[in-house]
Protein backbone atom coordinates (compact mmCIF):
# COMPACT_ATOMS: atom_id res chain seq x y z
CA MET A 1 0.17 -0.11 -0.34
CA SER A 2 1.42 3.07 -1.33
CA ARG A 3 1.26 6.74 1.03
CA ARG A 4 1.33 9.95 -1.03
CA LYS A 5 3.88 12.35 -0.15
CA ARG A 6 3.06 15.74 1.37
CA PHE A 7 4.44 18.64 0.25
CA SER A 8 4.94 21.21 2.76
CA PHE A 9 6.01 24.79 1.50
CA SER A 10 8.09 27.27 3.12
CA PRO A 11 6.79 30.66 4.51
CA ALA A 12 9.29 33.04 2.24
CA ARG A 13 7.43 30.47 -0.57
CA ARG A 14 4.00 31.07 0.48
CA PHE A 15 4.60 34.63 0.63
CA TRP A 16 5.72 34.98 -2.65
CA GLN A 17 2.91 33.13 -4.25
CA TRP A 18 0.17 35.35 -2.04
CA VAL A 19 2.20 38.55 -4.07
CA SER A 20 2.78 37.29 -7.18
CA THR A 21 -0.12 37.97 -8.82
CA PRO A 22 -1.14 41.92 -7.59
CA LEU A 23 2.45 42.46 -8.85
CA LEU A 24 1.72 40.94 -12.17
CA ILE A 25 -2.05 43.19 -12.68
CA LEU A 26 0.32 46.36 -11.41
CA ALA A 27 2.75 45.38 -14.47
CA VAL A 28 0.46 45.18 -16.75
CA LEU A 29 -1.01 48.25 -15.78
CA ALA A 30 2.22 50.25 -15.91
CA SER A 31 2.82 49.21 -19.64
CA VAL A 32 -0.61 50.06 -20.62
CA LEU A 33 0.00 53.62 -18.98
CA PHE A 34 3.76 54.24 -20.47
CA THR A 35 2.16 53.09 -23.94
CA PHE A 36 -0.41 55.98 -23.54
CA LEU A 37 1.93 58.16 -22.27
CA ILE A 38 4.15 57.15 -25.59
CA TRP A 39 1.34 57.96 -27.43
CA PHE A 40 0.48 61.17 -26.15
CA GLY A 41 3.11 62.99 -25.13
CA SER A 42 5.31 62.76 -21.91
CA PRO A 43 7.42 65.22 -19.70
CA ILE A 44 9.29 62.15 -19.10
CA PRO A 45 12.67 62.19 -20.73
CA VAL A 46 12.54 58.95 -22.16
CA GLN A 47 15.25 57.54 -24.65
CA SER A 48 14.19 56.63 -27.97
CA ALA A 49 16.11 55.56 -31.57
CA ARG A 50 16.67 59.08 -31.21
CA THR A 51 18.04 61.72 -28.96
CA GLY A 52 14.99 62.11 -26.94
CA PHE A 53 11.94 63.70 -25.87
CA TYR A 54 12.33 67.39 -25.03
CA THR A 55 15.26 68.01 -26.05
CA SER A 56 16.38 71.40 -26.03
CA PRO A 57 20.48 71.90 -26.71
CA LYS A 58 21.51 75.25 -26.16
CA LEU A 59 23.09 76.78 -29.39
CA GLY A 60 23.56 80.18 -27.54
CA ALA A 61 22.33 81.84 -23.98
CA PRO A 62 18.94 82.80 -22.64
CA SER A 63 17.92 85.93 -22.79
CA THR A 64 15.40 88.52 -20.90
CA LEU A 65 13.10 91.53 -22.39
CA THR A 66 15.86 93.88 -20.45
CA ARG A 67 19.13 92.34 -22.18
CA LEU A 68 16.69 92.71 -25.47
CA PHE A 69 15.51 96.27 -25.20
CA LEU A 70 18.66 97.89 -25.56
CA PRO A 71 18.49 100.90 -27.12
CA HIS A 72 18.89 101.68 -30.97
CA GLN A 73 21.24 104.96 -30.63
CA VAL A 74 22.26 106.95 -28.48
CA TRP A 75 22.27 110.65 -29.36
CA LEU A 76 24.05 113.70 -27.73
CA TRP A 77 22.81 117.14 -28.77
CA THR A 78 25.08 119.87 -27.25
CA GLY A 79 24.47 123.34 -26.55
CA HIS A 80 25.81 124.43 -29.92
CA GLN A 81 23.41 122.46 -31.52
CA GLN A 82 25.92 119.43 -32.34
CA LEU A 83 25.32 116.03 -32.89
CA TYR A 84 27.39 113.08 -31.74
CA SER A 85 26.32 109.06 -31.48
CA TYR A 86 27.28 106.84 -29.26
CA PRO A 87 27.78 103.37 -29.98
CA VAL A 88 25.44 101.10 -27.93
CA GLN A 89 27.81 98.95 -26.82
CA SER A 90 30.28 101.30 -25.67
CA GLY A 91 31.32 101.63 -21.77
CA PHE A 92 29.88 105.00 -21.95
CA VAL A 93 26.31 103.41 -22.88
CA SER A 94 26.73 101.34 -20.04
CA LYS A 95 27.56 103.11 -17.15
CA LEU A 96 24.60 105.40 -17.96
CA LEU A 97 22.06 102.82 -18.18
CA SER A 98 23.20 101.26 -15.11
CA ALA A 99 23.11 104.87 -13.62
CA LEU A 100 19.37 105.13 -14.50
CA HIS A 101 19.00 101.74 -13.07
CA GLY A 102 20.12 102.84 -9.95
CA ALA A 103 17.34 105.25 -8.95
CA THR A 104 16.59 106.00 -5.81
CA THR A 105 13.20 107.71 -6.83
CA VAL A 106 11.38 108.53 -10.20
CA THR A 107 8.21 110.51 -10.54
CA VAL A 108 5.85 110.64 -13.61
CA ALA A 109 4.07 113.35 -14.48
CA PRO A 110 1.90 114.27 -18.16
CA ALA A 111 4.40 116.85 -20.39
CA LYS A 112 3.00 119.70 -22.60
CA THR A 113 5.15 118.93 -25.64
CA ALA A 114 7.80 116.25 -26.00
CA LYS A 115 10.70 118.68 -27.64
CA VAL A 116 13.27 120.15 -25.49
CA ARG A 117 14.21 123.39 -25.28
CA GLY A 118 16.69 124.36 -27.57
CA GLY A 119 20.01 125.65 -26.09
CA THR A 120 20.48 123.09 -23.91
CA SER A 121 22.77 120.06 -24.09
CA TYR A 122 20.87 116.63 -24.02
CA LEU A 123 20.79 113.02 -24.52
CA GLU A 124 18.27 111.11 -27.13
CA LEU A 125 17.77 106.64 -26.45
CA ASP A 126 16.49 105.85 -29.27
CA TYR A 127 14.12 102.77 -29.40
CA ALA A 128 12.07 103.00 -32.21
CA THR A 129 13.64 100.76 -35.31
CA SER A 130 10.62 99.91 -36.78
CA GLY A 131 6.86 98.97 -36.18
CA GLU A 132 5.69 99.09 -32.84
CA VAL A 133 9.13 98.71 -30.96
CA GLY A 134 9.74 100.23 -27.76
CA SER A 135 10.97 99.85 -24.24
CA PRO A 136 8.92 99.32 -20.90
CA ILE A 137 9.96 102.29 -18.53
CA GLN A 138 11.07 99.42 -16.38
CA ASP A 139 14.04 98.35 -18.17
CA LEU A 140 15.27 102.19 -17.42
CA PHE A 141 13.97 102.68 -13.80
CA PRO A 142 12.86 99.06 -12.46
CA SER A 143 11.50 101.32 -9.13
CA LEU A 144 8.72 102.42 -10.79
CA LYS A 145 5.63 100.45 -11.57
CA GLN A 146 3.40 102.78 -14.04
CA ALA A 147 3.46 101.00 -17.39
CA LEU A 148 4.24 102.83 -19.96
CA SER A 149 6.47 101.96 -23.22
CA VAL A 150 8.51 104.68 -24.63
CA ARG A 151 10.10 105.18 -28.32
CA SER A 152 12.70 108.00 -27.41
CA VAL A 153 13.57 109.29 -23.77
CA TYR A 154 15.70 112.53 -23.44
CA ILE A 155 17.75 113.16 -20.71
CA LYS A 156 18.95 116.48 -19.52
CA PRO A 157 21.23 117.31 -16.31
CA ASP A 158 20.01 118.89 -13.33
CA ALA A 159 21.41 121.70 -10.98
CA LYS A 160 21.50 118.94 -8.62
CA ARG A 161 24.54 116.40 -8.85
CA ASP A 162 22.10 113.06 -8.58
CA THR A 163 19.13 114.33 -10.52
CA LEU A 164 17.98 114.43 -13.90
CA ASN A 165 15.21 115.46 -16.04
CA LEU A 166 14.11 113.72 -18.65
CA ILE A 167 10.66 113.07 -21.53
CA ALA A 168 9.76 109.86 -22.48
CA VAL A 169 7.57 109.71 -25.58
CA ASP A 170 5.10 106.66 -25.74
CA GLN A 171 4.18 104.74 -28.75
CA GLN A 172 1.12 107.18 -29.29
CA GLY A 173 3.22 110.20 -29.46
CA ALA A 174 2.34 111.31 -25.59
CA ALA A 175 5.42 113.16 -23.44
CA PHE A 176 5.53 112.60 -20.38
CA ASP A 177 8.14 114.61 -17.47
CA LEU A 178 10.01 112.39 -15.26
CA ARG A 179 12.26 113.19 -12.42
CA ALA A 180 14.46 110.79 -11.59
CA SER A 181 16.89 111.39 -7.70
CA GLY A 182 19.79 109.47 -6.79
CA VAL A 183 21.29 108.64 -9.86
CA GLN A 184 24.97 108.22 -9.86
CA LEU A 185 26.82 109.76 -13.13
CA ARG A 186 30.05 108.86 -11.80
CA GLY A 187 31.81 111.43 -13.92
CA LEU A 188 30.06 110.66 -16.95
CA SER A 189 29.47 113.87 -18.75
CA LEU A 190 25.89 114.61 -20.39
CA THR A 191 26.77 117.92 -22.11
CA VAL A 192 30.46 117.31 -23.64
CA PRO A 193 31.17 114.10 -26.11
CA GLY A 194 33.39 111.46 -24.69
CA ILE A 195 36.39 109.71 -26.89
CA SER A 196 33.56 106.89 -28.02
CA ALA A 197 31.32 109.15 -29.25
CA VAL A 198 31.14 109.85 -33.40
CA PRO A 199 30.15 113.02 -34.91
CA TYR A 200 27.14 113.00 -37.01
CA ALA A 201 24.77 115.45 -39.31
CA GLN A 202 21.39 116.29 -39.68
CA ILE A 203 20.29 115.99 -43.14
CA PRO A 204 16.64 117.34 -44.73
CA ILE A 205 15.77 114.41 -47.38
CA ASN A 206 12.63 114.42 -48.74
CA GLY A 207 11.18 116.39 -45.93
CA ARG A 208 13.01 113.98 -43.52
CA GLU A 209 15.61 114.36 -41.18
CA ILE A 210 18.34 111.34 -41.85
CA ARG A 211 21.48 111.14 -39.75
CA LEU A 212 24.11 110.14 -40.95
CA PRO A 213 28.17 110.19 -40.18
CA TYR A 214 29.80 113.81 -40.08
CA THR A 215 33.27 112.71 -41.07
CA ASN A 216 35.36 109.73 -42.58
CA SER A 217 34.14 107.58 -39.42
CA ILE A 218 36.12 104.54 -39.21
CA MET A 219 34.74 100.44 -38.88
CA PRO A 220 36.38 97.28 -38.60
CA ILE A 221 35.90 94.45 -40.92
CA GLU A 222 35.56 91.31 -39.00
CA VAL A 223 36.09 87.43 -39.97
CA TRP A 224 33.45 85.84 -38.46
CA LEU A 225 33.84 81.21 -37.74
CA LEU A 226 30.70 79.68 -38.07
CA LYS A 227 30.50 76.58 -35.57
CA GLN A 228 27.76 74.30 -36.67
CA GLN A 229 25.43 72.86 -34.29
CA ASP A 230 24.34 68.78 -33.87
CA ILE A 231 20.60 69.67 -35.02
CA SER A 232 19.60 66.30 -34.62
CA GLY A 233 18.23 67.19 -30.88
CA VAL A 234 17.03 70.86 -31.51
CA ILE A 235 14.62 69.23 -34.62
CA ASP A 236 13.33 66.42 -31.43
CA SER A 237 12.83 69.33 -29.31
CA TYR A 238 9.55 70.92 -31.31
CA PHE A 239 7.56 67.40 -31.01
CA ALA A 240 6.21 65.18 -28.45
CA ASP A 241 7.52 62.41 -29.69
CA PRO A 242 10.25 62.02 -31.55
CA SER A 243 9.88 58.43 -32.69
CA ALA A 244 6.56 59.38 -34.31
CA VAL A 245 8.15 61.85 -36.52
CA ILE A 246 8.82 61.34 -40.60
CA PRO A 247 11.48 62.84 -42.84
CA ILE A 248 10.81 63.72 -45.97
CA VAL A 249 12.72 65.58 -48.42
CA ASP A 250 11.54 67.16 -51.72
CA LYS A 251 13.09 68.61 -55.07
CA ASN A 252 14.78 71.16 -53.23
CA HIS A 253 16.52 69.32 -51.13
CA LYS A 254 14.88 70.63 -48.45
CA THR A 255 14.13 67.76 -45.54
CA LEU A 256 10.86 67.94 -43.63
CA TYR A 257 10.15 66.62 -40.40
CA THR A 258 6.76 65.92 -39.20
CA ASP A 259 4.37 63.86 -37.02
CA GLY A 260 1.31 64.81 -38.52
CA LEU A 261 0.90 68.06 -36.84
CA ARG A 262 3.51 70.15 -36.78
CA ALA A 263 6.29 70.41 -39.02
CA VAL A 264 10.00 71.79 -38.92
CA TRP A 265 11.68 72.17 -42.76
CA LEU A 266 15.45 72.09 -42.41
CA SER A 267 17.28 73.68 -45.43
CA THR A 268 20.85 74.52 -45.92
CA THR A 269 22.13 78.28 -46.92
CA SER A 270 25.71 79.39 -47.58
CA PHE A 271 26.46 80.16 -44.16
CA GLY A 272 25.01 77.05 -42.83
CA PRO A 273 21.48 74.94 -41.78
CA THR A 274 18.11 77.08 -41.30
CA ILE A 275 15.36 75.45 -39.92
CA THR A 276 11.62 76.91 -40.04
CA TYR A 277 9.44 75.70 -37.46
CA ARG A 278 5.22 75.75 -38.23
CA ASN A 279 2.09 74.70 -36.17
CA PRO A 280 -0.89 75.54 -38.15
CA GLN A 281 -3.26 73.67 -34.99
CA THR A 282 -2.05 76.34 -33.02
CA GLY A 283 -5.06 78.68 -34.22
CA ASN A 284 -7.90 76.45 -33.06
CA VAL A 285 -6.91 76.18 -29.48
CA ILE A 286 -8.02 78.38 -26.60
CA PRO A 287 -5.71 81.55 -26.10
CA ARG A 288 -3.45 82.29 -23.78
CA THR A 289 -4.24 84.67 -21.21
CA GLY A 290 -1.77 87.30 -19.57
CA HIS A 291 0.62 86.28 -21.97
CA SER A 292 2.34 89.12 -24.32
CA PRO A 293 3.39 88.04 -27.53
CA LEU A 294 6.71 89.20 -26.90
CA ASP A 295 6.93 86.96 -23.81
CA THR A 296 5.75 84.39 -25.06
CA ALA A 297 8.65 84.39 -28.13
CA VAL A 298 11.25 84.97 -26.02
CA GLN A 299 10.15 81.71 -24.05
CA PHE A 300 10.01 79.96 -26.84
CA ILE A 301 13.47 80.78 -28.08
CA ASN A 302 14.97 80.48 -24.84
CA ASP A 303 13.55 76.97 -24.91
CA HIS A 304 14.62 75.94 -28.18
CA GLY A 305 18.33 76.99 -28.38
CA GLY A 306 18.47 80.41 -26.94
CA PHE A 307 19.78 83.56 -28.43
CA LEU A 308 23.06 83.69 -29.41
CA SER A 309 26.12 83.66 -27.30
CA ASN A 310 27.40 86.59 -24.94
CA GLN A 311 29.77 87.14 -27.41
CA THR A 312 27.55 88.79 -29.20
CA SER A 313 24.00 91.34 -29.03
CA GLN A 314 20.74 90.55 -30.12
CA GLY A 315 18.09 93.27 -29.91
CA ILE A 316 14.56 93.34 -31.23
CA SER A 317 14.35 94.99 -34.62
CA ALA A 318 10.80 95.15 -35.42
CA ILE A 319 7.21 94.19 -34.09
CA LYS A 320 4.67 94.35 -36.61
CA ARG A 321 0.86 93.22 -36.14
CA SER A 322 -1.72 91.93 -38.65
CA THR A 323 -5.35 91.02 -37.59
CA ASP A 324 -4.65 87.99 -35.53
CA MET A 325 -0.89 87.52 -35.51
CA THR A 326 2.34 89.97 -34.61
CA GLU A 327 5.25 88.79 -36.29
CA ILE A 328 8.65 89.60 -34.08
CA LEU A 329 12.25 90.14 -35.52
CA PHE A 330 15.00 89.55 -33.45
CA SER A 331 18.39 91.06 -35.17
CA LEU A 332 22.14 90.51 -34.53
CA SER A 333 24.25 93.92 -33.57
CA GLU A 334 27.94 94.28 -33.80
CA GLY A 335 29.83 97.22 -31.67
CA GLY A 336 26.33 99.33 -32.12
CA PHE A 337 26.23 98.61 -35.40
CA PRO A 338 22.49 96.11 -36.85
CA VAL A 339 23.87 93.08 -39.00
CA PHE A 340 21.49 93.19 -42.26
CA GLY A 341 20.20 89.92 -43.41
CA GLN A 342 19.38 86.66 -42.22
CA PHE A 343 22.52 85.95 -40.59
CA GLY A 344 22.61 86.23 -36.41
CA SER A 345 18.54 86.85 -37.16
CA MET A 346 14.97 85.29 -36.04
CA GLN A 347 11.96 85.40 -36.92
CA CYS A 348 8.87 84.82 -34.61
CA ILE A 349 4.94 85.08 -35.17
CA VAL A 350 2.52 84.67 -32.57
CA ASN A 351 -1.39 84.23 -32.65
CA ASN A 352 -3.22 83.16 -29.53
CA GLY A 353 -0.69 82.93 -26.75
CA TRP A 354 1.04 80.14 -29.10
CA VAL A 355 4.36 80.23 -31.73
CA VAL A 356 3.05 79.31 -35.20
CA THR A 357 6.16 80.17 -37.15
CA TYR A 358 9.84 80.80 -36.04
CA ARG A 359 12.95 80.94 -38.23
CA ARG A 360 16.61 80.99 -37.53
CA ALA A 361 19.83 79.88 -38.74
CA LEU A 362 21.98 76.94 -36.77
CA VAL A 363 24.90 78.71 -36.50
CA GLU A 364 26.80 79.71 -33.52
CA PRO A 365 28.98 82.33 -34.00
CA SER A 366 32.34 83.41 -32.74
CA ILE A 367 34.78 86.16 -33.43
CA LEU A 368 37.96 84.87 -35.21
CA GLU A 369 40.12 87.77 -36.46
CA GLU A 370 39.71 91.68 -36.48
CA THR A 371 40.97 93.50 -39.68
CA GLN A 372 42.50 96.85 -39.74
CA PRO A 373 39.76 99.46 -39.45
CA LEU A 374 38.12 100.98 -42.64
CA HIS A 375 37.39 104.66 -43.34
CA ILE A 376 33.66 105.27 -44.45
CA LEU A 377 31.87 107.36 -46.18
CA SER A 378 30.97 110.20 -44.68
CA GLY A 379 26.70 111.18 -45.31
CA VAL A 380 27.52 113.90 -48.01
CA GLN A 381 29.89 112.00 -49.53
CA LEU A 382 27.38 109.14 -49.86
CA LEU A 383 24.67 111.28 -51.34
CA ASN A 384 27.33 112.84 -53.81
CA LEU A 385 27.95 109.13 -54.94
CA LEU A 386 23.74 108.15 -55.39
CA ASN A 387 21.95 108.91 -58.20
CA PRO A 388 20.14 112.55 -58.13
CA ARG A 389 17.18 111.45 -59.43
CA GLU A 390 16.54 109.14 -56.59
CA LEU A 391 17.57 111.03 -53.86
CA GLY A 392 13.55 111.81 -53.50
CA LYS A 393 12.92 108.18 -52.83
CA ILE A 394 14.79 107.84 -49.94
CA ARG A 395 13.06 106.77 -46.50
CA SER A 396 15.79 106.25 -44.55
CA ILE A 397 19.82 105.69 -44.58
CA LYS A 398 20.89 103.46 -41.68
CA LEU A 399 24.95 102.18 -41.43
CA GLY A 400 25.38 99.20 -40.16
CA TYR A 401 27.03 95.63 -41.32
CA GLY A 402 26.84 92.94 -44.63
CA THR A 403 27.92 89.38 -44.45
CA THR A 404 29.61 88.15 -47.27
CA LEU A 405 31.08 84.18 -47.57
CA PHE A 406 34.91 84.17 -46.62
CA SER A 407 35.57 80.27 -46.51
CA SER A 408 33.21 77.41 -45.94
CA THR A 409 33.48 77.82 -42.16
CA ALA A 410 33.80 81.74 -41.77
CA ILE A 411 31.77 84.74 -42.80
CA GLU A 412 32.94 88.56 -43.28
CA LEU A 413 31.04 91.48 -41.54
CA PHE A 414 31.74 94.58 -43.77
CA PRO A 415 30.26 98.10 -42.95
CA VAL A 416 27.57 98.90 -45.59
CA TYR A 417 25.12 101.63 -45.67
CA GLN A 418 21.19 100.49 -45.71
CA ILE A 419 18.81 102.52 -47.84
CA THR A 420 15.37 102.51 -48.02
CA TYR A 421 13.68 103.68 -51.23
CA SER A 422 9.92 103.97 -51.55
CA TYR A 423 10.23 100.82 -53.79
CA GLY A 424 12.32 98.80 -51.99
CA ARG A 425 16.07 98.79 -50.42
CA VAL A 426 19.56 98.48 -51.51
CA TYR A 427 23.01 97.91 -50.05
CA VAL A 428 26.13 99.99 -50.96
CA ASN A 429 29.23 99.23 -49.79
CA ALA A 430 30.45 102.05 -46.78
CA THR A 431 33.85 102.96 -48.45
CA ASP A 432 32.98 103.48 -51.85
CA GLY A 433 29.52 103.91 -52.13
CA GLN A 434 29.26 100.54 -55.00
CA VAL A 435 26.26 98.25 -54.58
CA PHE A 436 26.83 95.51 -52.31
CA HIS A 437 25.83 92.07 -53.37
CA GLY A 438 26.03 90.09 -50.26
CA THR A 439 25.12 86.64 -48.39
CA GLY A 440 22.54 86.56 -46.90
CA MET A 441 21.49 89.40 -47.12
CA THR A 442 17.27 89.10 -47.94
CA PRO A 443 14.97 89.31 -45.08
CA TRP A 444 12.57 87.17 -43.96
CA THR A 445 9.62 86.84 -45.69
CA SER A 446 7.15 89.27 -43.51
CA VAL A 447 3.58 88.65 -42.50
CA GLU A 448 2.48 91.29 -44.13
């Protein structure tokens, strides 16, 4: 007669049998949740076949509105009605803005006129470039809480050493009297031009007063090295799930990356790859409240590569508004002069608090060398070289830098005059007045 052998389980094994079933259930639920996140986007940095989710390599550096809202130009009128221009990146302007930031008290009152009385010396901070561009008054005086966006600020010295009288003109042309106390100028003269001041002449053309260099000023030629960036991470940063993105190459050798909702075009220009992002879906979403278009644009750029490095200066060159969109252009400046064209510029179009279009060149420039400074044409010399029959069609003239390809990995910044006529723009060599054909000198297409 056989007996069945009885088996006894150890306490550890009995415990494992008791918990194994719930663990398997939890594992299945976690798998379902993970699959849901993969398909609908996740803020968790999960690695994929490409570089991962929400990657955002820094091509440059984050920026704030204060750093972007530098004056376009700083002018000094002497008591003898002589006009000088200070480079925005000069030590004088840096110390002046720091002194204004340090004002202890600022009072504001409506002004009867926006004009400064003649016969006195004063400084003019010009914030107007194109469109609705201006600086919040808080950028000059952080302690002042009044909401006001200014196009021009006129500064007059006061009898007291630490007090300044100012006239601020806003976007609509309204004028305000400001009195700032506690301003420590520390030796900065508001009446006598310093060594960095350049003499200018105010020349009447076609009913406008155009300011041009009075003498043969000097500007250096600069050669900038173009450091190419790893663009795969930049492209991934525009999509919730990079593994769902499909690359498509068109007949113009442009590559389109899309997940069915958003699209990124990658094209190659003479000075490096250029990226164009478009999100047509944002016009149908709930508008963001409490976000100005400018705040939205700056935050978007900071989250997708940042601005150019701290070696360079980048500011707001134009703000244009249509019925439901706002276009903002950010442009590079060097030595206080604008760099014309697409190189170093960025375009951001905002709708309903969301970025719908964004374009930029994926390069990180750094100064390679600076050659011997060149003598540029004075304003009168420039006008004498232009077609006399075209002078009446001139709208504005700006001195700045044009860009030409120096080598496959470098670009040259050359002094040019930008002449805006009633029918378009022309760039001329600032040393001889000949037409300048640069690299990437065509501006981004506007929303107009």
